[in-house]
Amino acid sequence: MNRPRWILLALGLSFFIVGVADAFMPPLRGKGYSVLDVAHAVLISALCYTWCRAEGLERGVIPPGRSALLAGVFPLLGIPVYFFRTRPWRRALVSTLWAVGFLAMGLVLAAVGTLLSELVRS
């Protein structure tokens, strides 16, 4: 398995692990999220940046401008921008749809992890 796939695997696994751990952590006072959720957002950003750099190096493409950095700072906008700057528009559109699917899968994994933790706790 190549490096970009390992990074995606780590990203997907992080959603499940945070989902499991979230069942045991209280939310911040007056907020709907915990400290772990904030740390996970930072981890997601770092992994998105790392994935863009690794994927570009593997394909032999140097991302124009600061595309990888934008993907790390604001992944929801940065990942599609990275795709559209490094691929033909049709392939970029398909890649963006795959990324949306990956995000949905991550959210499902987090929910499953939380549900499994709640079932074990009760």
C-alpha atoms as a PDB file:
ATOM      1  CA  MET A   1       0.000   0.000   0.000  1.00  0.00           C
ATOM      2  CA  ASN A   2       1.365   3.423  -0.928  1.00  0.00           C
ATOM      3  CA  ARG A   3       1.825   6.342   1.448  1.00  0.00           C
ATOM      4  CA  PRO A   4      -1.274   8.360   0.436  1.00  0.00           C
ATOM      5  CA  ARG A   5      -3.479   5.320   1.090  1.00  0.00           C
ATOM      6  CA  TRP A   6      -1.917   4.837   4.522  1.00  0.00           C
ATOM      7  CA  ILE A   7      -2.720   8.459   5.317  1.00  0.00           C
ATOM      8  CA  LEU A   8      -6.332   7.978   4.193  1.00  0.00           C
ATOM      9  CA  LEU A   9      -6.556   4.829   6.306  1.00  0.00           C
ATOM     10  CA  ALA A  10      -5.269   6.768   9.326  1.00  0.00           C
ATOM     11  CA  LEU A  11      -7.802   9.516   8.637  1.00  0.00           C
ATOM     12  CA  GLY A  12     -10.710   7.072   8.423  1.00  0.00           C
ATOM     13  CA  LEU A  13      -9.545   5.239  11.540  1.00  0.00           C
ATOM     14  CA  SER A  14      -9.289   8.538  13.419  1.00  0.00           C
ATOM     15  CA  PHE A  15     -13.018   9.151  12.855  1.00  0.00           C
ATOM     16  CA  PHE A  16     -13.898   5.773  14.370  1.00  0.00           C
ATOM     17  CA  ILE A  17     -11.529   6.200  17.333  1.00  0.00           C
ATOM     18  CA  VAL A  18     -12.843   9.681  18.093  1.00  0.00           C
ATOM     19  CA  GLY A  19     -16.396   8.370  17.816  1.00  0.00           C
ATOM     20  CA  VAL A  20     -15.630   5.691  20.404  1.00  0.00           C
ATOM     21  CA  ALA A  21     -13.812   8.086  22.730  1.00  0.00           C
ATOM     22  CA  ASP A  22     -16.469  10.794  22.397  1.00  0.00           C
ATOM     23  CA  ALA A  23     -18.966   8.624  24.256  1.00  0.00           C
ATOM     24  CA  PHE A  24     -16.732   8.849  27.335  1.00  0.00           C
ATOM     25  CA  MET A  25     -15.819  12.550  27.184  1.00  0.00           C
ATOM     26  CA  PRO A  26     -18.115  15.294  28.428  1.00  0.00           C
ATOM     27  CA  PRO A  27     -18.739  18.233  26.105  1.00  0.00           C
ATOM     28  CA  LEU A  28     -17.214  21.606  26.878  1.00  0.00           C
ATOM     29  CA  ARG A  29     -19.377  23.821  29.036  1.00  0.00           C
ATOM     30  CA  GLY A  30     -22.138  25.296  26.929  1.00  0.00           C
ATOM     31  CA  LYS A  31     -20.851  23.674  23.734  1.00  0.00           C
ATOM     32  CA  GLY A  32     -21.905  20.651  21.705  1.00  0.00           C
ATOM     33  CA  TYR A  33     -18.362  19.331  21.287  1.00  0.00           C
ATOM     34  CA  SER A  34     -15.517  18.095  23.459  1.00  0.00           C
ATOM     35  CA  VAL A  35     -11.813  18.860  23.667  1.00  0.00           C
ATOM     36  CA  LEU A  36     -11.232  15.661  21.712  1.00  0.00           C
ATOM     37  CA  ASP A  37     -13.333  17.006  18.825  1.00  0.00           C
ATOM     38  CA  VAL A  38     -11.137  20.113  18.664  1.00  0.00           C
ATOM     39  CA  ALA A  39      -7.983  17.975  18.680  1.00  0.00           C
ATOM     40  CA  HIS A  40      -9.497  15.791  15.966  1.00  0.00           C
ATOM     41  CA  ALA A  41     -10.129  18.847  13.781  1.00  0.00           C
ATOM     42  CA  VAL A  42      -6.432  19.715  14.058  1.00  0.00           C
ATOM     43  CA  LEU A  43      -5.490  16.113  13.219  1.00  0.00           C
ATOM     44  CA  ILE A  44      -7.824  16.134  10.196  1.00  0.00           C
ATOM     45  CA  SER A  45      -6.161  19.307   8.939  1.00  0.00           C
ATOM     46  CA  ALA A  46      -2.669  17.877   9.371  1.00  0.00           C
ATOM     47  CA  LEU A  47      -3.596  14.612   7.643  1.00  0.00           C
ATOM     48  CA  CYS A  48      -5.272  16.435   4.735  1.00  0.00           C
ATOM     49  CA  TYR A  49      -2.151  18.546   4.187  1.00  0.00           C
ATOM     50  CA  THR A  50       0.091  15.478   4.459  1.00  0.00           C
ATOM     51  CA  TRP A  51      -2.113  13.527   2.060  1.00  0.00           C
ATOM     52  CA  CYS A  52      -2.016  16.288  -0.562  1.00  0.00           C
ATOM     53  CA  ARG A  53       1.773  16.480  -0.370  1.00  0.00           C
ATOM     54  CA  ALA A  54       2.218  12.679  -0.500  1.00  0.00           C
ATOM     55  CA  GLU A  55      -0.313  12.234  -3.297  1.00  0.00           C
ATOM     56  CA  GLY A  56       1.290  14.978  -5.357  1.00  0.00           C
ATOM     57  CA  LEU A  57       4.763  13.520  -4.886  1.00  0.00           C
ATOM     58  CA  GLU A  58       3.585  10.051  -5.846  1.00  0.00           C
ATOM     59  CA  ARG A  59       1.939  11.314  -9.034  1.00  0.00           C
ATOM     60  CA  GLY A  60       4.856  13.629  -9.792  1.00  0.00           C
ATOM     61  CA  VAL A  61       2.677  16.741  -9.564  1.00  0.00           C
ATOM     62  CA  ILE A  62       3.757  19.815  -7.668  1.00  0.00           C
ATOM     63  CA  PRO A  63       0.599  21.519  -6.381  1.00  0.00           C
ATOM     64  CA  PRO A  64       0.396  25.052  -7.785  1.00  0.00           C
ATOM     65  CA  GLY A  65       0.333  27.893  -5.320  1.00  0.00           C
ATOM     66  CA  ARG A  66      -0.541  26.896  -1.815  1.00  0.00           C
ATOM     67  CA  SER A  67      -3.143  24.237  -2.668  1.00  0.00           C
ATOM     68  CA  ALA A  68      -1.870  21.679  -0.141  1.00  0.00           C
ATOM     69  CA  LEU A  69      -1.687  24.335   2.571  1.00  0.00           C
ATOM     70  CA  LEU A  70      -5.262  25.422   1.856  1.00  0.00           C
ATOM     71  CA  ALA A  71      -6.314  21.770   2.094  1.00  0.00           C
ATOM     72  CA  GLY A  72      -4.696  21.636   5.533  1.00  0.00           C
ATOM     73  CA  VAL A  73      -6.119  24.914   6.816  1.00  0.00           C
ATOM     74  CA  PHE A  74      -9.655  24.473   5.469  1.00  0.00           C
ATOM     75  CA  PRO A  75     -10.126  20.938   4.084  1.00  0.00           C
ATOM     76  CA  LEU A  76     -13.733  21.362   2.908  1.00  0.00           C
ATOM     77  CA  LEU A  77     -12.631  24.001   0.417  1.00  0.00           C
ATOM     78  CA  GLY A  78      -8.958  23.096   0.054  1.00  0.00           C
ATOM     79  CA  ILE A  79      -9.333  19.490  -1.107  1.00  0.00           C
ATOM     80  CA  PRO A  80     -11.550  20.397  -4.114  1.00  0.00           C
ATOM     81  CA  VAL A  81      -9.231  23.315  -4.941  1.00  0.00           C
ATOM     82  CA  TYR A  82      -6.269  20.906  -4.829  1.00  0.00           C
ATOM     83  CA  PHE A  83      -8.081  18.506  -7.157  1.00  0.00           C
ATOM     84  CA  PHE A  84      -9.041  21.198  -9.661  1.00  0.00           C
ATOM     85  CA  ARG A  85      -5.497  22.583  -9.727  1.00  0.00           C
ATOM     86  CA  THR A  86      -3.782  19.217 -10.203  1.00  0.00           C
ATOM     87  CA  ARG A  87      -6.187  17.318 -12.478  1.00  0.00           C
ATOM     88  CA  PRO A  88      -8.288  17.846 -15.590  1.00  0.00           C
ATOM     89  CA  TRP A  89     -11.706  19.215 -14.596  1.00  0.00           C
ATOM     90  CA  ARG A  90     -13.626  15.950 -15.151  1.00  0.00           C
ATOM     91  CA  ARG A  91     -11.210  13.901 -13.079  1.00  0.00           C
ATOM     92  CA  ALA A  92     -11.184  16.671 -10.466  1.00  0.00           C
ATOM     93  CA  LEU A  93     -14.974  16.577 -10.253  1.00  0.00           C
ATOM     94  CA  VAL A  94     -14.983  12.799  -9.801  1.00  0.00           C
ATOM     95  CA  SER A  95     -12.224  13.068  -7.186  1.00  0.00           C
ATOM     96  CA  THR A  96     -14.227  15.708  -5.334  1.00  0.00           C
ATOM     97  CA  LEU A  97     -17.259  13.420  -5.297  1.00  0.00           C
ATOM     98  CA  TRP A  98     -15.076  10.612  -3.928  1.00  0.00           C
ATOM     99  CA  ALA A  99     -13.830  12.990  -1.229  1.00  0.00           C
ATOM    100  CA  VAL A 100     -17.422  13.849  -0.265  1.00  0.00           C
ATOM    101  CA  GLY A 101     -18.137  10.114  -0.043  1.00  0.00           C
ATOM    102  CA  PHE A 102     -15.049   9.636   2.109  1.00  0.00           C
ATOM    103  CA  LEU A 103     -16.219  12.401   4.445  1.00  0.00           C
ATOM    104  CA  ALA A 104     -19.665  10.800   4.690  1.00  0.00           C
ATOM    105  CA  MET A 105     -18.038   7.450   5.456  1.00  0.00           C
ATOM    106  CA  GLY A 106     -15.937   9.085   8.169  1.00  0.00           C
ATOM    107  CA  LEU A 107     -19.016  10.601   9.771  1.00  0.00           C
ATOM    108  CA  VAL A 108     -20.766   7.222   9.661  1.00  0.00           C
ATOM    109  CA  LEU A 109     -17.712   5.582  11.259  1.00  0.00           C
ATOM    110  CA  ALA A 110     -17.746   8.196  14.040  1.00  0.00           C
ATOM    111  CA  ALA A 111     -21.455   7.590  14.668  1.00  0.00           C
ATOM    112  CA  VAL A 112     -20.981   3.812  14.681  1.00  0.00           C
ATOM    113  CA  GLY A 113     -18.094   4.169  17.126  1.00  0.00           C
ATOM    114  CA  THR A 114     -20.203   6.310  19.446  1.00  0.00           C
ATOM    115  CA  LEU A 115     -23.171   3.935  19.222  1.00  0.00           C
ATOM    116  CA  LEU A 116     -20.999   0.907  19.947  1.00  0.00           C
ATOM    117  CA  SER A 117     -19.475   2.675  22.954  1.00  0.00           C
ATOM    118  CA  GLU A 118     -22.911   3.623  24.250  1.00  0.00           C
ATOM    119  CA  LEU A 119     -24.116   0.025  23.868  1.00  0.00           C
ATOM    120  CA  VAL A 120     -21.092  -1.312  25.752  1.00  0.00           C
ATOM    121  CA  ARG A 121     -21.490   1.290  28.528  1.00  0.00           C
ATOM    122  CA  SER A 122     -25.161   0.543  29.163  1.00  0.00           C
END
